Amino acid sequence: MSPLQIGVVGAGHMGRLHAEKVAALRDEGLGVEVAGIADIIPSRAEELASKVGSRAFTEAGALWAGADPDSPLAPPRPDAVIVAVPTESHYAVVSEALEAGLDVLVEKPIAANLREAEALIELANAGGRVLQVGHLEWFNSALERIRDRIRRPRFVEAHRMGPFSDRATDIDVVRDLMIHDLDILQQILGEQPDRIEAVGIPVLSSNVDIANARLTFPSGCVANLTASRVSNTPQRKLRFFQRDGCVAIDFLSQSASVFRKEQAGSEAPQIVMEELEVDRSDALLAQLRDFIQAVRTRERPKVDGVGGLDALRTAVRVVEAMPPIAEP
């Protein structure tokens, strides 16, 4: 079997991580190759390409444009690409890749707006291509370990916070961070909220940097979600409160706990905590393996284009629910 050629578009923080994971699987002899690195900043593309033993391109299209088959130095044409460029460029890059007949793993959110997301799904379906969206938390060992303990939650609380960085400032914190928890909630509950209240303010960027949303679902479940990219202490926690107790996930430490009420005879009831055993793993590497599996078998990845669209749709609704900020 010929090695699966995977290109990477975008040599920033996430693109670098993706390229290193592909190279790691290559070095393990798992039948993949880094087909090339594309970035609009030549020095950045060249530096990453040199590090992972690949070729550098300054245009994404040049990565999969093909080459003279008679040339012994012709670069390999990728079978698939990972797209890790600013969100505003997702549609342009992903659509071109899909039209070129490539399978695509694109960082979340799937696109800058719903219209573009829907168009990408149509392109992928028309060409029979894999379109996976990088909702990374589905590959976090803690979530995988505890998911079957979540049963008809009535209240959910999420906190996803971290310090400010220059990454993803082209979008608001809802599409940047909160979208992870929105996606998890909707997939676990199997429904989208029918009522949303939200508030958010920009702090260090021109977009909303800290936000809170209260979502009510048709089942009666209520979720309170907070996301911030201007907080000193990183935090990524999700708690599900249900009739038989509470299920808690810490995505940063990859830990999971179950709290439940116990009562012995006539004694007062107590809350007992069970710390579940979790085998810590590399979520980004697991996501890449899922993508490779989908490319090779044509099976549906964990989060496909439709899942990415559903998460984006609710994220947009959260932002639209925010009242305008009064001028000082």
Protein backbone atom coordinates (compact mmCIF):
# COMPACT_ATOMS: atom_id res chain seq x y z
CA MET A 1 0.00 0.00 0.00
CA SER A 2 1.36 3.41 -0.95
CA PRO A 3 1.90 5.86 1.91
CA LEU A 4 -0.96 8.27 2.53
CA GLN A 5 0.27 11.72 1.52
CA ILE A 6 -1.00 14.41 3.92
CA GLY A 7 -0.31 18.10 3.37
CA VAL A 8 -0.65 20.87 5.93
CA VAL A 9 -1.91 24.34 5.07
CA GLY A 10 -0.95 26.91 7.68
CA ALA A 11 2.35 26.82 9.56
CA GLY A 12 1.25 28.73 12.64
CA HIS A 13 0.75 27.22 16.10
CA MET A 14 -1.83 24.56 15.20
CA GLY A 15 -0.38 23.84 11.77
CA ARG A 16 2.98 23.17 13.38
CA LEU A 17 1.43 20.74 15.86
CA HIS A 18 -0.45 18.91 13.11
CA ALA A 19 2.64 18.60 10.92
CA GLU A 20 4.68 17.23 13.82
CA LYS A 21 2.01 14.59 14.53
CA VAL A 22 1.94 13.46 10.88
CA ALA A 23 5.73 13.24 10.93
CA ALA A 24 5.60 11.23 14.17
CA LEU A 25 3.25 8.67 12.59
CA ARG A 26 5.49 8.55 9.53
CA ASP A 27 8.50 7.83 11.71
CA GLU A 28 6.56 5.04 13.42
CA GLY A 29 6.14 3.41 10.02
CA LEU A 30 2.36 3.81 9.91
CA GLY A 31 2.18 4.50 6.20
CA VAL A 32 1.82 8.28 6.06
CA GLU A 33 4.01 11.03 4.66
CA VAL A 34 4.09 14.81 5.02
CA ALA A 35 3.34 15.83 1.43
CA GLY A 36 4.16 19.49 1.99
CA ILE A 37 3.69 22.59 4.11
CA ALA A 38 1.95 25.67 2.71
CA ASP A 39 1.94 29.10 4.31
CA ILE A 40 1.72 32.64 2.94
CA ILE A 41 4.83 33.51 4.96
CA PRO A 42 7.66 31.75 3.09
CA SER A 43 10.08 31.64 6.01
CA ARG A 44 7.48 30.02 8.24
CA ALA A 45 6.62 27.37 5.65
CA GLU A 46 10.31 26.64 4.99
CA GLU A 47 11.17 26.35 8.67
CA LEU A 48 8.37 23.87 9.41
CA ALA A 49 8.97 21.91 6.21
CA SER A 50 12.64 21.56 7.10
CA LYS A 51 11.75 20.37 10.59
CA VAL A 52 9.41 17.61 9.41
CA GLY A 53 11.38 16.65 6.31
CA SER A 54 9.02 17.93 3.67
CA ARG A 55 8.62 20.68 1.05
CA ALA A 56 7.49 24.28 1.48
CA PHE A 57 4.90 26.12 -0.61
CA THR A 58 3.71 29.71 -0.42
CA GLU A 59 0.28 28.95 -1.90
CA ALA A 60 -2.08 26.21 -0.82
CA GLY A 61 -3.06 25.44 -4.40
CA ALA A 62 0.54 24.77 -5.34
CA LEU A 63 0.61 21.99 -2.75
CA TRP A 64 -1.94 19.92 -4.66
CA ALA A 65 -1.60 21.35 -8.17
CA GLY A 66 0.27 18.28 -9.36
CA ALA A 67 3.62 18.13 -11.09
CA ASP A 68 5.31 16.84 -14.21
CA PRO A 69 5.13 13.04 -13.84
CA ASP A 70 8.30 12.68 -15.91
CA SER A 71 10.32 14.69 -13.41
CA PRO A 72 12.15 12.56 -10.82
CA LEU A 73 11.99 15.53 -8.43
CA ALA A 74 8.24 15.98 -8.73
CA PRO A 75 6.75 16.50 -5.24
CA PRO A 76 4.08 13.98 -4.22
CA ARG A 77 0.51 15.15 -4.64
CA PRO A 78 -1.37 14.93 -1.33
CA ASP A 79 -4.29 12.58 -0.83
CA ALA A 80 -5.55 14.74 2.04
CA VAL A 81 -4.81 18.04 3.73
CA ILE A 82 -5.07 19.53 7.18
CA VAL A 83 -6.20 23.15 7.12
CA ALA A 84 -5.03 25.31 10.01
CA VAL A 85 -5.39 28.84 8.70
CA PRO A 86 -7.38 31.80 10.14
CA THR A 87 -11.12 31.10 10.16
CA GLU A 88 -11.87 33.80 7.60
CA SER A 89 -9.79 31.79 5.09
CA HIS A 90 -11.32 28.38 5.82
CA TYR A 91 -13.83 28.49 2.99
CA ALA A 92 -11.35 29.56 0.32
CA VAL A 93 -8.76 26.93 1.22
CA VAL A 94 -11.08 24.04 2.05
CA SER A 95 -13.30 24.53 -1.01
CA GLU A 96 -10.27 24.55 -3.30
CA ALA A 97 -8.94 21.38 -1.70
CA LEU A 98 -12.30 19.59 -1.98
CA GLU A 99 -12.66 20.63 -5.61
CA ALA A 100 -9.17 19.22 -6.22
CA GLY A 101 -10.41 15.85 -4.95
CA LEU A 102 -8.74 15.87 -1.54
CA ASP A 103 -10.05 14.81 1.84
CA VAL A 104 -9.87 17.58 4.45
CA LEU A 105 -9.44 17.98 8.19
CA VAL A 106 -10.15 21.64 9.01
CA GLU A 107 -9.67 23.29 12.37
CA LYS A 108 -12.83 24.46 14.12
CA PRO A 109 -15.00 26.34 13.46
CA ILE A 110 -15.73 24.76 10.11
CA ALA A 111 -16.10 28.19 8.47
CA ALA A 112 -16.60 31.87 9.24
CA ASN A 113 -20.37 31.73 8.67
CA LEU A 114 -23.23 29.32 8.07
CA ARG A 115 -23.48 29.95 4.35
CA GLU A 116 -19.86 28.98 3.80
CA ALA A 117 -20.17 25.95 6.08
CA GLU A 118 -23.19 24.67 4.16
CA ALA A 119 -21.37 25.17 0.85
CA LEU A 120 -18.39 23.15 2.07
CA ILE A 121 -20.63 20.27 3.11
CA GLU A 122 -22.28 20.30 -0.31
CA LEU A 123 -18.88 20.21 -2.02
CA ALA A 124 -17.70 17.32 0.15
CA ASN A 125 -20.86 15.33 -0.47
CA ALA A 126 -20.81 15.98 -4.21
CA GLY A 127 -17.23 14.76 -4.51
CA GLY A 128 -17.50 11.92 -2.00
CA ARG A 129 -14.77 13.49 0.12
CA VAL A 130 -14.11 13.25 3.85
CA LEU A 131 -14.67 16.57 5.62
CA GLN A 132 -13.65 16.38 9.28
CA VAL A 133 -13.80 19.32 11.70
CA GLY A 134 -11.23 19.65 14.48
CA HIS A 135 -13.43 19.53 17.57
CA LEU A 136 -10.53 18.11 19.56
CA GLU A 137 -12.24 17.41 22.89
CA TRP A 138 -13.97 14.32 21.49
CA PHE A 139 -10.53 12.72 21.56
CA ASN A 140 -9.80 13.71 25.15
CA SER A 141 -9.45 10.56 27.24
CA ALA A 142 -11.54 11.99 30.08
CA LEU A 143 -14.59 12.52 27.86
CA GLU A 144 -14.19 9.11 26.26
CA ARG A 145 -13.97 7.50 29.71
CA ILE A 146 -16.99 9.18 31.24
CA ARG A 147 -19.46 9.58 28.41
CA ASP A 148 -21.47 6.47 29.26
CA ARG A 149 -21.98 7.83 32.82
CA ILE A 150 -23.92 10.84 31.50
CA ARG A 151 -27.65 10.09 31.67
CA ARG A 152 -30.35 12.68 30.98
CA PRO A 153 -28.64 15.65 32.69
CA ARG A 154 -30.89 18.41 34.01
CA PHE A 155 -28.24 21.10 34.47
CA VAL A 156 -24.83 21.55 32.85
CA GLU A 157 -22.08 23.96 33.81
CA ALA A 158 -19.03 24.67 31.65
CA HIS A 159 -15.98 26.88 32.18
CA ARG A 160 -13.45 27.23 29.36
CA MET A 161 -10.92 29.97 30.05
CA GLY A 162 -7.35 30.93 29.28
CA PRO A 163 -4.97 33.84 28.84
CA PHE A 164 -5.07 36.08 25.80
CA SER A 165 -3.02 35.13 22.74
CA ASP A 166 -2.77 36.45 19.22
CA ARG A 167 -4.38 33.32 17.79
CA ALA A 168 -7.99 33.23 16.54
CA THR A 169 -8.65 36.91 17.23
CA ASP A 170 -10.39 37.10 13.84
CA ILE A 171 -13.37 35.45 15.54
CA ASP A 172 -15.18 35.90 18.87
CA VAL A 173 -14.56 33.73 21.93
CA VAL A 174 -17.82 31.85 21.32
CA ARG A 175 -16.62 30.43 18.00
CA ASP A 176 -13.07 30.18 19.32
CA LEU A 177 -13.61 28.40 22.68
CA MET A 178 -17.25 28.00 23.73
CA ILE A 179 -18.01 26.11 20.52
CA HIS A 180 -16.25 23.05 21.97
CA ASP A 181 -18.78 22.80 24.81
CA LEU A 182 -21.70 23.64 22.56
CA ASP A 183 -20.76 20.77 20.28
CA ILE A 184 -20.33 18.31 23.16
CA LEU A 185 -23.65 19.30 24.71
CA GLN A 186 -25.62 19.00 21.51
CA GLN A 187 -24.17 15.62 20.60
CA ILE A 188 -24.71 14.18 24.08
CA LEU A 189 -28.23 15.58 24.46
CA GLY A 190 -29.14 14.85 20.85
CA GLU A 191 -30.86 18.21 20.44
CA GLN A 192 -30.25 21.90 19.92
CA PRO A 193 -31.37 24.60 22.37
CA ASP A 194 -34.74 26.24 21.86
CA ARG A 195 -33.89 29.25 24.02
CA ILE A 196 -30.63 31.17 24.44
CA GLU A 197 -29.69 34.10 26.67
CA ALA A 198 -26.18 35.48 26.42
CA VAL A 199 -23.88 38.36 27.22
CA GLY A 200 -20.36 39.11 26.06
CA ILE A 201 -17.86 41.93 25.81
CA PRO A 202 -14.62 42.61 23.94
CA VAL A 203 -11.62 43.25 26.18
CA LEU A 204 -8.36 43.02 24.27
CA SER A 205 -9.59 42.45 20.73
CA SER A 206 -12.30 43.94 18.54
CA ASN A 207 -14.43 40.80 19.03
CA VAL A 208 -16.11 39.41 22.14
CA ASP A 209 -13.38 38.02 24.42
CA ILE A 210 -15.46 36.85 27.38
CA ALA A 211 -18.98 35.46 27.19
CA ASN A 212 -21.64 33.70 29.20
CA ALA A 213 -24.62 31.85 27.77
CA ARG A 214 -27.64 30.17 29.32
CA LEU A 215 -29.18 27.55 27.04
CA THR A 216 -32.50 25.77 27.55
CA PHE A 217 -33.07 22.55 25.61
CA PRO A 218 -36.36 20.90 24.59
CA SER A 219 -35.72 18.08 27.10
CA GLY A 220 -35.71 20.65 29.92
CA CYS A 221 -31.95 20.58 30.45
CA VAL A 222 -30.43 23.98 31.22
CA ALA A 223 -26.77 24.76 30.53
CA ASN A 224 -24.70 27.65 31.80
CA LEU A 225 -21.53 28.15 29.74
CA THR A 226 -18.70 30.62 30.32
CA ALA A 227 -15.81 31.16 27.93
CA SER A 228 -12.95 33.62 28.29
CA ARG A 229 -9.66 34.22 26.54
CA VAL A 230 -8.65 37.00 28.93
CA SER A 231 -8.32 34.96 32.13
CA ASN A 232 -5.05 34.38 33.97
CA THR A 233 -5.67 30.76 34.91
CA PRO A 234 -6.41 28.15 32.22
CA GLN A 235 -9.53 26.11 32.90
CA ARG A 236 -11.51 23.63 30.82
CA LYS A 237 -14.17 21.97 32.96
CA LEU A 238 -17.60 20.54 32.25
CA ARG A 239 -20.09 19.23 34.83
CA PHE A 240 -23.34 17.36 34.22
CA PHE A 241 -25.88 17.33 37.07
CA GLN A 242 -28.41 14.53 36.83
CA ARG A 243 -30.85 12.65 39.01
CA ASP A 244 -28.28 10.18 40.33
CA GLY A 245 -25.50 12.71 40.94
CA CYS A 246 -22.92 14.74 39.07
CA VAL A 247 -20.43 13.83 36.38
CA ALA A 248 -17.37 16.11 36.16
CA ILE A 249 -14.72 16.36 33.46
CA ASP A 250 -11.45 18.28 33.58
CA PHE A 251 -10.15 18.42 30.02
CA LEU A 252 -6.80 19.97 30.99
CA SER A 253 -5.83 17.30 33.50
CA GLN A 254 -7.70 14.59 31.56
CA SER A 255 -9.50 13.53 34.72
CA ALA A 256 -13.08 12.47 35.38
CA SER A 257 -15.12 12.15 38.56
CA VAL A 258 -18.57 10.95 39.53
CA PHE A 259 -20.41 12.36 42.57
CA ARG A 260 -23.46 10.54 43.87
CA LYS A 261 -25.66 10.48 46.94
CA GLU A 262 -25.41 7.52 49.28
CA GLN A 263 -27.37 6.80 52.46
CA ALA A 264 -26.87 3.97 54.91
CA GLY A 265 -29.97 3.14 56.93
CA SER A 266 -31.18 6.07 59.02
CA GLU A 267 -27.92 8.01 58.67
CA ALA A 268 -27.89 11.35 56.91
CA PRO A 269 -27.19 11.10 53.17
CA GLN A 270 -23.68 11.90 51.98
CA ILE A 271 -22.06 12.85 48.71
CA VAL A 272 -19.51 10.23 47.66
CA MET A 273 -16.89 10.93 45.01
CA GLU A 274 -15.52 8.30 42.64
CA GLU A 275 -12.37 9.27 40.75
CA LEU A 276 -12.34 7.30 37.51
CA GLU A 277 -9.16 5.85 36.09
CA VAL A 278 -8.26 7.63 32.87
CA ASP A 279 -5.43 6.66 30.57
CA ARG A 280 -4.03 10.02 29.50
CA SER A 281 -3.46 10.27 25.76
CA ASP A 282 -2.50 12.69 23.01
CA ALA A 283 -5.85 14.04 21.76
CA LEU A 284 -4.38 15.65 18.65
CA LEU A 285 -2.68 12.42 17.66
CA ALA A 286 -5.89 10.48 18.28
CA GLN A 287 -7.79 12.94 16.08
CA LEU A 288 -5.25 12.48 13.30
CA ARG A 289 -5.59 8.70 13.55
CA ASP A 290 -9.38 9.10 13.24
CA PHE A 291 -8.90 11.26 10.14
CA ILE A 292 -6.51 8.73 8.56
CA GLN A 293 -8.97 5.94 9.31
CA ALA A 294 -11.78 7.89 7.64
CA VAL A 295 -9.64 8.63 4.58
CA ARG A 296 -8.62 4.99 4.18
CA THR A 297 -11.97 3.35 4.91
CA ARG A 298 -14.35 6.17 3.84
CA GLU A 299 -16.06 5.83 7.22
CA ARG A 300 -17.60 8.87 8.93
CA PRO A 301 -15.16 10.66 11.28
CA LYS A 302 -16.19 11.52 14.83
CA VAL A 303 -17.03 15.11 13.89
CA ASP A 304 -17.91 15.55 10.22
CA GLY A 305 -19.05 18.65 8.37
CA VAL A 306 -22.63 18.34 9.60
CA GLY A 307 -21.47 18.17 13.22
CA GLY A 308 -19.27 21.20 12.64
CA LEU A 309 -22.19 23.07 11.08
CA ASP A 310 -24.51 22.26 13.99
CA ALA A 311 -21.96 23.59 16.48
CA LEU A 312 -21.38 26.74 14.43
CA ARG A 313 -25.12 27.34 14.07
CA THR A 314 -25.60 27.43 17.83
CA ALA A 315 -22.47 29.52 18.33
CA VAL A 316 -23.90 32.10 15.93
CA ARG A 317 -27.19 32.06 17.84
CA VAL A 318 -25.31 32.71 21.10
CA VAL A 319 -23.59 35.77 19.63
CA GLU A 320 -26.84 37.04 18.13
CA ALA A 321 -28.53 36.72 21.54
CA MET A 322 -26.08 39.16 23.12
CA PRO A 323 -27.49 42.65 23.71
CA PRO A 324 -25.54 45.48 22.11
CA ILE A 325 -22.83 47.04 24.26
CA ALA A 326 -23.71 50.57 25.32
CA GLU A 327 -21.18 53.27 24.55
CA PRO A 328 -19.48 54.70 27.66
